[in-house]
Amino acid sequence: MRPLLLKMKNFLSYEEETFDFSAITNATITGRNGAGKSSFCTDAITWVLFGKGSRGSEKESGNYVSTGATSCCVELTFSLNNSQYKVIRAVNAAKGNRMALNIFVLDKDGNEIPMTGSKLTDTQGKIESLLKMTYKTFTASSMIFQGKSDEFTNGMSNAERKEALITILNINEWEEVGEKAKADLADLKQQLKEKNAQRDAQYEVASHKK
């Protein structure tokens, strides 16, 4: 995944801001403590994609709303596997942290084609399936937080690391291909067995006629 455009409205210290990453390959961001570097470098990206960040998960989404505001919204456009996608997440703290989540794939003309599920959990599942990562996998392998550079080795159990690697390397897809091949082979063997049985029956009938 490569981020292309990030938009924030009333998100943490940002009232309304847009960051264009499309022409950037490498960058260093500097600033004093509390200037908002982590707000858009880490929190905005993890929150829009997974609904989580340094201020808590979905139930604490009101923590991401700027002081004095009642709602916030983050929009991330990114490229993945030669396609572009847009994810938009918003939360209304005044309505019990009610959240909205949408995902679109962009066609060659930039038109947004909805991929949003019927439920928020369905949409979240589509995002994680597309990225082949959960929040924990993403923050342990693709985004290294300050003071947590060993998250993948020490912050995860053996089972979690195994699951993360299986997901990242898409090993499950090859297992599915293998299972499909086994099923096809079993079907062919059954068809061959039936044809042999038919042939033997026909031969027996022909022998009796003689």
C-alpha atoms as a PDB file:
ATOM      1  CA  MET A   1       0.000   0.000   0.000  1.00  0.00           C
ATOM      2  CA  ARG A   2       1.251   3.466  -0.906  1.00  0.00           C
ATOM      3  CA  PRO A   3      -0.566   6.505   0.546  1.00  0.00           C
ATOM      4  CA  LEU A   4      -1.411   9.163  -2.024  1.00  0.00           C
ATOM      5  CA  LEU A   5      -3.668  11.698  -0.335  1.00  0.00           C
ATOM      6  CA  LEU A   6      -4.686  12.226   3.287  1.00  0.00           C
ATOM      7  CA  LYS A   7      -7.426  14.610   4.361  1.00  0.00           C
ATOM      8  CA  MET A   8      -8.330  15.382   7.977  1.00  0.00           C
ATOM      9  CA  LYS A   9     -11.108  17.451   9.445  1.00  0.00           C
ATOM     10  CA  ASN A  10     -11.261  18.147  13.195  1.00  0.00           C
ATOM     11  CA  PHE A  11      -8.903  15.227  13.780  1.00  0.00           C
ATOM     12  CA  LEU A  12      -6.794  15.712  16.927  1.00  0.00           C
ATOM     13  CA  SER A  13      -4.783  18.927  16.443  1.00  0.00           C
ATOM     14  CA  TYR A  14      -5.818  19.387  12.798  1.00  0.00           C
ATOM     15  CA  GLU A  15      -8.865  21.519  12.084  1.00  0.00           C
ATOM     16  CA  GLU A  16      -8.720  20.929   8.335  1.00  0.00           C
ATOM     17  CA  GLU A  17      -5.640  19.736   6.498  1.00  0.00           C
ATOM     18  CA  THR A  18      -4.626  17.884   3.331  1.00  0.00           C
ATOM     19  CA  PHE A  19      -1.355  16.046   2.741  1.00  0.00           C
ATOM     20  CA  ASP A  20      -0.421  15.020  -0.805  1.00  0.00           C
ATOM     21  CA  PHE A  21       2.015  12.093  -0.808  1.00  0.00           C
ATOM     22  CA  SER A  22       1.764  11.298  -4.523  1.00  0.00           C
ATOM     23  CA  ALA A  23       5.125  12.835  -5.482  1.00  0.00           C
ATOM     24  CA  ILE A  24       6.974  11.734  -2.332  1.00  0.00           C
ATOM     25  CA  THR A  25       9.220   8.688  -2.195  1.00  0.00           C
ATOM     26  CA  ASN A  26      11.223   9.432   0.973  1.00  0.00           C
ATOM     27  CA  ALA A  27      10.596  12.081   3.607  1.00  0.00           C
ATOM     28  CA  THR A  28      11.635  13.165   7.085  1.00  0.00           C
ATOM     29  CA  ILE A  29       9.209  15.097   9.256  1.00  0.00           C
ATOM     30  CA  THR A  30      10.531  17.285  12.024  1.00  0.00           C
ATOM     31  CA  GLY A  31       8.908  19.492  14.624  1.00  0.00           C
ATOM     32  CA  ARG A  32       8.640  20.184  18.318  1.00  0.00           C
ATOM     33  CA  ASN A  33       6.889  17.803  20.681  1.00  0.00           C
ATOM     34  CA  GLY A  34       3.132  18.124  20.411  1.00  0.00           C
ATOM     35  CA  ALA A  35       3.272  19.722  16.953  1.00  0.00           C
ATOM     36  CA  GLY A  36       1.103  16.957  15.482  1.00  0.00           C
ATOM     37  CA  LYS A  37       3.680  14.787  13.700  1.00  0.00           C
ATOM     38  CA  SER A  38       2.254  11.524  15.035  1.00  0.00           C
ATOM     39  CA  SER A  39      -1.314  12.701  14.494  1.00  0.00           C
ATOM     40  CA  PHE A  40      -1.039  12.419  10.728  1.00  0.00           C
ATOM     41  CA  CYS A  41       2.017  10.153  10.329  1.00  0.00           C
ATOM     42  CA  THR A  42       0.523   7.337  12.381  1.00  0.00           C
ATOM     43  CA  ASP A  43      -2.807   7.994  14.092  1.00  0.00           C
ATOM     44  CA  ALA A  44      -4.665   9.367  11.080  1.00  0.00           C
ATOM     45  CA  ILE A  45      -3.604   6.450   8.873  1.00  0.00           C
ATOM     46  CA  THR A  46      -4.250   3.671  11.389  1.00  0.00           C
ATOM     47  CA  TRP A  47      -7.517   5.241  12.518  1.00  0.00           C
ATOM     48  CA  VAL A  48      -8.966   5.659   9.030  1.00  0.00           C
ATOM     49  CA  LEU A  49      -7.978   2.120   8.047  1.00  0.00           C
ATOM     50  CA  PHE A  50      -8.672   0.240  11.288  1.00  0.00           C
ATOM     51  CA  GLY A  51     -10.495   2.619  13.658  1.00  0.00           C
ATOM     52  CA  LYS A  52      -7.610   2.421  16.131  1.00  0.00           C
ATOM     53  CA  GLY A  53      -4.594   4.429  17.180  1.00  0.00           C
ATOM     54  CA  SER A  54      -2.667   5.744  20.158  1.00  0.00           C
ATOM     55  CA  ARG A  55      -5.836   7.274  21.639  1.00  0.00           C
ATOM     56  CA  GLY A  56      -7.784   4.025  21.745  1.00  0.00           C
ATOM     57  CA  SER A  57      -9.993   1.861  19.539  1.00  0.00           C
ATOM     58  CA  GLU A  58     -13.493   2.256  18.152  1.00  0.00           C
ATOM     59  CA  LYS A  59     -15.164   2.728  21.538  1.00  0.00           C
ATOM     60  CA  GLU A  60     -12.776   5.596  22.297  1.00  0.00           C
ATOM     61  CA  SER A  61     -13.103   7.256  18.883  1.00  0.00           C
ATOM     62  CA  GLY A  62     -14.322  10.442  20.537  1.00  0.00           C
ATOM     63  CA  ASN A  63     -10.733  10.896  21.722  1.00  0.00           C
ATOM     64  CA  TYR A  64      -9.715  11.713  18.156  1.00  0.00           C
ATOM     65  CA  VAL A  65     -12.146  14.612  17.773  1.00  0.00           C
ATOM     66  CA  SER A  66     -10.513  18.033  18.041  1.00  0.00           C
ATOM     67  CA  THR A  67     -11.241  20.014  21.183  1.00  0.00           C
ATOM     68  CA  GLY A  68     -14.391  22.065  20.679  1.00  0.00           C
ATOM     69  CA  ALA A  69     -15.653  19.958  17.757  1.00  0.00           C
ATOM     70  CA  THR A  70     -18.356  17.281  17.868  1.00  0.00           C
ATOM     71  CA  SER A  71     -17.160  15.096  15.000  1.00  0.00           C
ATOM     72  CA  CYS A  72     -14.101  14.300  12.921  1.00  0.00           C
ATOM     73  CA  CYS A  73     -13.357  12.728   9.560  1.00  0.00           C
ATOM     74  CA  VAL A  74     -10.280  11.263   7.881  1.00  0.00           C
ATOM     75  CA  GLU A  75     -10.014  10.340   4.213  1.00  0.00           C
ATOM     76  CA  LEU A  76      -7.134   8.300   2.778  1.00  0.00           C
ATOM     77  CA  THR A  77      -6.499   7.592  -0.889  1.00  0.00           C
ATOM     78  CA  PHE A  78      -3.887   4.941  -1.582  1.00  0.00           C
ATOM     79  CA  SER A  79      -2.608   2.713  -4.362  1.00  0.00           C
ATOM     80  CA  LEU A  80      -2.366  -1.053  -4.120  1.00  0.00           C
ATOM     81  CA  ASN A  81      -1.693  -3.653  -6.821  1.00  0.00           C
ATOM     82  CA  ASN A  82      -2.041  -1.114  -9.659  1.00  0.00           C
ATOM     83  CA  SER A  83      -5.409   0.126  -8.369  1.00  0.00           C
ATOM     84  CA  GLN A  84      -6.402   3.130  -6.278  1.00  0.00           C
ATOM     85  CA  TYR A  85      -8.755   3.081  -3.307  1.00  0.00           C
ATOM     86  CA  LYS A  86     -10.295   5.637  -0.980  1.00  0.00           C
ATOM     87  CA  VAL A  87     -11.312   4.989   2.622  1.00  0.00           C
ATOM     88  CA  ILE A  88     -13.362   7.529   4.580  1.00  0.00           C
ATOM     89  CA  ARG A  89     -13.998   7.165   8.306  1.00  0.00           C
ATOM     90  CA  ALA A  90     -15.968   9.631  10.420  1.00  0.00           C
ATOM     91  CA  VAL A  91     -17.200   9.656  13.994  1.00  0.00           C
ATOM     92  CA  ASN A  92     -19.805  11.809  15.733  1.00  0.00           C
ATOM     93  CA  ALA A  93     -18.922  12.155  19.418  1.00  0.00           C
ATOM     94  CA  ALA A  94     -22.164  14.031  20.087  1.00  0.00           C
ATOM     95  CA  LYS A  95     -24.113  10.912  19.095  1.00  0.00           C
ATOM     96  CA  GLY A  96     -22.364   8.338  21.235  1.00  0.00           C
ATOM     97  CA  ASN A  97     -19.320   8.010  18.959  1.00  0.00           C
ATOM     98  CA  ARG A  98     -21.479   6.896  16.046  1.00  0.00           C
ATOM     99  CA  MET A  99     -19.129   5.888  13.263  1.00  0.00           C
ATOM    100  CA  ALA A 100     -19.412   5.849   9.480  1.00  0.00           C
ATOM    101  CA  LEU A 101     -17.007   3.942   7.242  1.00  0.00           C
ATOM    102  CA  ASN A 102     -16.869   3.811   3.453  1.00  0.00           C
ATOM    103  CA  ILE A 103     -14.458   2.376   0.897  1.00  0.00           C
ATOM    104  CA  PHE A 104     -14.293   3.035  -2.839  1.00  0.00           C
ATOM    105  CA  VAL A 105     -12.176   1.811  -5.713  1.00  0.00           C
ATOM    106  CA  LEU A 106     -11.291   4.538  -8.229  1.00  0.00           C
ATOM    107  CA  ASP A 107     -11.590   3.862 -11.936  1.00  0.00           C
ATOM    108  CA  LYS A 108      -9.166   5.268 -14.522  1.00  0.00           C
ATOM    109  CA  ASP A 109     -11.151   8.523 -14.632  1.00  0.00           C
ATOM    110  CA  GLY A 110     -11.090   8.946 -10.863  1.00  0.00           C
ATOM    111  CA  ASN A 111     -14.723   8.007 -10.378  1.00  0.00           C
ATOM    112  CA  GLU A 112     -15.518   6.417  -7.013  1.00  0.00           C
ATOM    113  CA  ILE A 113     -17.051   2.956  -7.226  1.00  0.00           C
ATOM    114  CA  PRO A 114     -18.532   1.934  -3.837  1.00  0.00           C
ATOM    115  CA  MET A 115     -17.230  -1.182  -2.104  1.00  0.00           C
ATOM    116  CA  THR A 116     -18.890  -0.407   1.234  1.00  0.00           C
ATOM    117  CA  GLY A 117     -20.588  -3.329   2.962  1.00  0.00           C
ATOM    118  CA  SER A 118     -24.064  -3.359   4.477  1.00  0.00           C
ATOM    119  CA  LYS A 119     -22.566  -3.138   7.970  1.00  0.00           C
ATOM    120  CA  LEU A 120     -19.535  -1.343   9.375  1.00  0.00           C
ATOM    121  CA  THR A 121     -17.982  -4.698  10.298  1.00  0.00           C
ATOM    122  CA  ASP A 122     -18.441  -5.873   6.696  1.00  0.00           C
ATOM    123  CA  THR A 123     -16.654  -2.795   5.372  1.00  0.00           C
ATOM    124  CA  GLN A 124     -13.860  -3.200   7.910  1.00  0.00           C
ATOM    125  CA  GLY A 125     -13.467  -6.792   6.807  1.00  0.00           C
ATOM    126  CA  LYS A 126     -13.154  -5.692   3.177  1.00  0.00           C
ATOM    127  CA  ILE A 127     -10.413  -3.213   4.080  1.00  0.00           C
ATOM    128  CA  GLU A 128      -8.435  -5.801   6.039  1.00  0.00           C
ATOM    129  CA  SER A 129      -8.916  -8.386   3.299  1.00  0.00           C
ATOM    130  CA  LEU A 130      -7.692  -5.892   0.710  1.00  0.00           C
ATOM    131  CA  LEU A 131      -4.630  -4.957   2.762  1.00  0.00           C
ATOM    132  CA  LYS A 132      -4.163  -8.546   3.958  1.00  0.00           C
ATOM    133  CA  MET A 133      -3.487  -7.066   7.388  1.00  0.00           C
ATOM    134  CA  THR A 134      -5.210  -6.395  10.684  1.00  0.00           C
ATOM    135  CA  TYR A 135      -4.320  -3.430  12.894  1.00  0.00           C
ATOM    136  CA  LYS A 136      -1.865  -5.508  14.901  1.00  0.00           C
ATOM    137  CA  THR A 137      -0.166  -6.931  11.817  1.00  0.00           C
ATOM    138  CA  PHE A 138       0.017  -3.475  10.225  1.00  0.00           C
ATOM    139  CA  THR A 139       1.517  -1.769  13.269  1.00  0.00           C
ATOM    140  CA  ALA A 140       3.953  -4.625  13.900  1.00  0.00           C
ATOM    141  CA  SER A 141       5.271  -5.012  10.363  1.00  0.00           C
ATOM    142  CA  SER A 142       4.479  -1.957   8.226  1.00  0.00           C
ATOM    143  CA  MET A 143       4.362   0.992  10.616  1.00  0.00           C
ATOM    144  CA  ILE A 144       6.879   1.107  13.438  1.00  0.00           C
ATOM    145  CA  PHE A 145       5.796   3.254  16.379  1.00  0.00           C
ATOM    146  CA  GLN A 146       8.240   5.178  18.511  1.00  0.00           C
ATOM    147  CA  GLY A 147       9.658   2.933  21.232  1.00  0.00           C
ATOM    148  CA  LYS A 148       8.016  -0.170  19.707  1.00  0.00           C
ATOM    149  CA  SER A 149      10.492  -1.245  17.041  1.00  0.00           C
ATOM    150  CA  ASP A 150      10.452  -4.800  18.432  1.00  0.00           C
ATOM    151  CA  GLU A 151       6.670  -5.165  18.296  1.00  0.00           C
ATOM    152  CA  PHE A 152       6.803  -8.006  15.755  1.00  0.00           C
ATOM    153  CA  THR A 153       9.320 -10.049  17.741  1.00  0.00           C
ATOM    154  CA  ASN A 154       8.379  -9.237  21.333  1.00  0.00           C
ATOM    155  CA  GLY A 155       4.915  -7.735  21.072  1.00  0.00           C
ATOM    156  CA  MET A 156       3.262 -10.751  19.456  1.00  0.00           C
ATOM    157  CA  SER A 157       2.876 -14.382  20.459  1.00  0.00           C
ATOM    158  CA  ASN A 158       4.255 -17.178  18.269  1.00  0.00           C
ATOM    159  CA  ALA A 159       0.731 -17.913  17.026  1.00  0.00           C
ATOM    160  CA  GLU A 160       0.133 -14.236  16.176  1.00  0.00           C
ATOM    161  CA  ARG A 161       3.441 -13.971  14.305  1.00  0.00           C
ATOM    162  CA  LYS A 162       2.623 -17.129  12.361  1.00  0.00           C
ATOM    163  CA  GLU A 163      -0.821 -15.816  11.463  1.00  0.00           C
ATOM    164  CA  ALA A 164       0.657 -12.441  10.473  1.00  0.00           C
ATOM    165  CA  LEU A 165       3.212 -14.038   8.144  1.00  0.00           C
ATOM    166  CA  ILE A 166       0.581 -16.320   6.615  1.00  0.00           C
ATOM    167  CA  THR A 167      -1.599 -13.290   5.919  1.00  0.00           C
ATOM    168  CA  ILE A 168       1.182 -11.049   4.593  1.00  0.00           C
ATOM    169  CA  LEU A 169       2.640 -13.749   2.323  1.00  0.00           C
ATOM    170  CA  ASN A 170      -0.845 -14.852   1.248  1.00  0.00           C
ATOM    171  CA  ILE A 171      -0.022 -18.474   2.059  1.00  0.00           C
ATOM    172  CA  ASN A 172      -3.708 -19.217   2.650  1.00  0.00           C
ATOM    173  CA  GLU A 173      -4.368 -18.665  -1.054  1.00  0.00           C
ATOM    174  CA  TRP A 174      -1.917 -21.437  -1.971  1.00  0.00           C
ATOM    175  CA  GLU A 175      -3.510 -23.739   0.588  1.00  0.00           C
ATOM    176  CA  GLU A 176      -6.874 -23.065  -1.044  1.00  0.00           C
ATOM    177  CA  VAL A 177      -5.386 -23.846  -4.471  1.00  0.00           C
ATOM    178  CA  GLY A 178      -3.995 -27.098  -3.078  1.00  0.00           C
ATOM    179  CA  GLU A 179      -7.368 -28.077  -1.601  1.00  0.00           C
ATOM    180  CA  LYS A 180      -9.078 -27.283  -4.912  1.00  0.00           C
ATOM    181  CA  ALA A 181      -6.542 -29.450  -6.775  1.00  0.00           C
ATOM    182  CA  LYS A 182      -7.171 -32.333  -4.361  1.00  0.00           C
ATOM    183  CA  ALA A 183     -10.931 -31.991  -4.829  1.00  0.00           C
ATOM    184  CA  ASP A 184     -10.561 -31.908  -8.639  1.00  0.00           C
ATOM    185  CA  LEU A 185      -8.332 -35.000  -8.538  1.00  0.00           C
ATOM    186  CA  ALA A 186     -10.845 -36.876  -6.395  1.00  0.00           C
ATOM    187  CA  ASP A 187     -13.605 -35.916  -8.829  1.00  0.00           C
ATOM    188  CA  LEU A 188     -11.579 -37.150 -11.813  1.00  0.00           C
ATOM    189  CA  LYS A 189     -10.842 -40.434 -10.055  1.00  0.00           C
ATOM    190  CA  GLN A 190     -14.553 -40.917  -9.367  1.00  0.00           C
ATOM    191  CA  GLN A 191     -15.414 -40.167 -13.000  1.00  0.00           C
ATOM    192  CA  LEU A 192     -12.773 -42.662 -14.158  1.00  0.00           C
ATOM    193  CA  LYS A 193     -14.110 -45.283 -11.759  1.00  0.00           C
ATOM    194  CA  GLU A 194     -17.655 -44.790 -13.080  1.00  0.00           C
ATOM    195  CA  LYS A 195     -16.506 -44.983 -16.718  1.00  0.00           C
ATOM    196  CA  ASN A 196     -14.553 -48.187 -16.018  1.00  0.00           C
ATOM    197  CA  ALA A 197     -17.625 -49.657 -14.330  1.00  0.00           C
ATOM    198  CA  GLN A 198     -19.762 -48.760 -17.355  1.00  0.00           C
ATOM    199  CA  ARG A 199     -17.185 -50.274 -19.715  1.00  0.00           C
ATOM    200  CA  ASP A 200     -17.026 -53.501 -17.703  1.00  0.00           C
ATOM    201  CA  ALA A 201     -20.828 -53.723 -17.640  1.00  0.00           C
ATOM    202  CA  GLN A 202     -21.027 -53.234 -21.406  1.00  0.00           C
ATOM    203  CA  TYR A 203     -18.324 -55.865 -21.953  1.00  0.00           C
ATOM    204  CA  GLU A 204     -20.194 -58.331 -19.743  1.00  0.00           C
ATOM    205  CA  VAL A 205     -23.437 -57.770 -21.657  1.00  0.00           C
ATOM    206  CA  ALA A 206     -21.652 -58.248 -24.971  1.00  0.00           C
ATOM    207  CA  SER A 207     -20.082 -61.487 -23.729  1.00  0.00           C
ATOM    208  CA  HIS A 208     -23.467 -62.918 -22.710  1.00  0.00           C
ATOM    209  CA  LYS A 209     -24.907 -62.138 -26.167  1.00  0.00           C
ATOM    210  CA  LYS A 210     -22.201 -64.227 -27.778  1.00  0.00           C
END
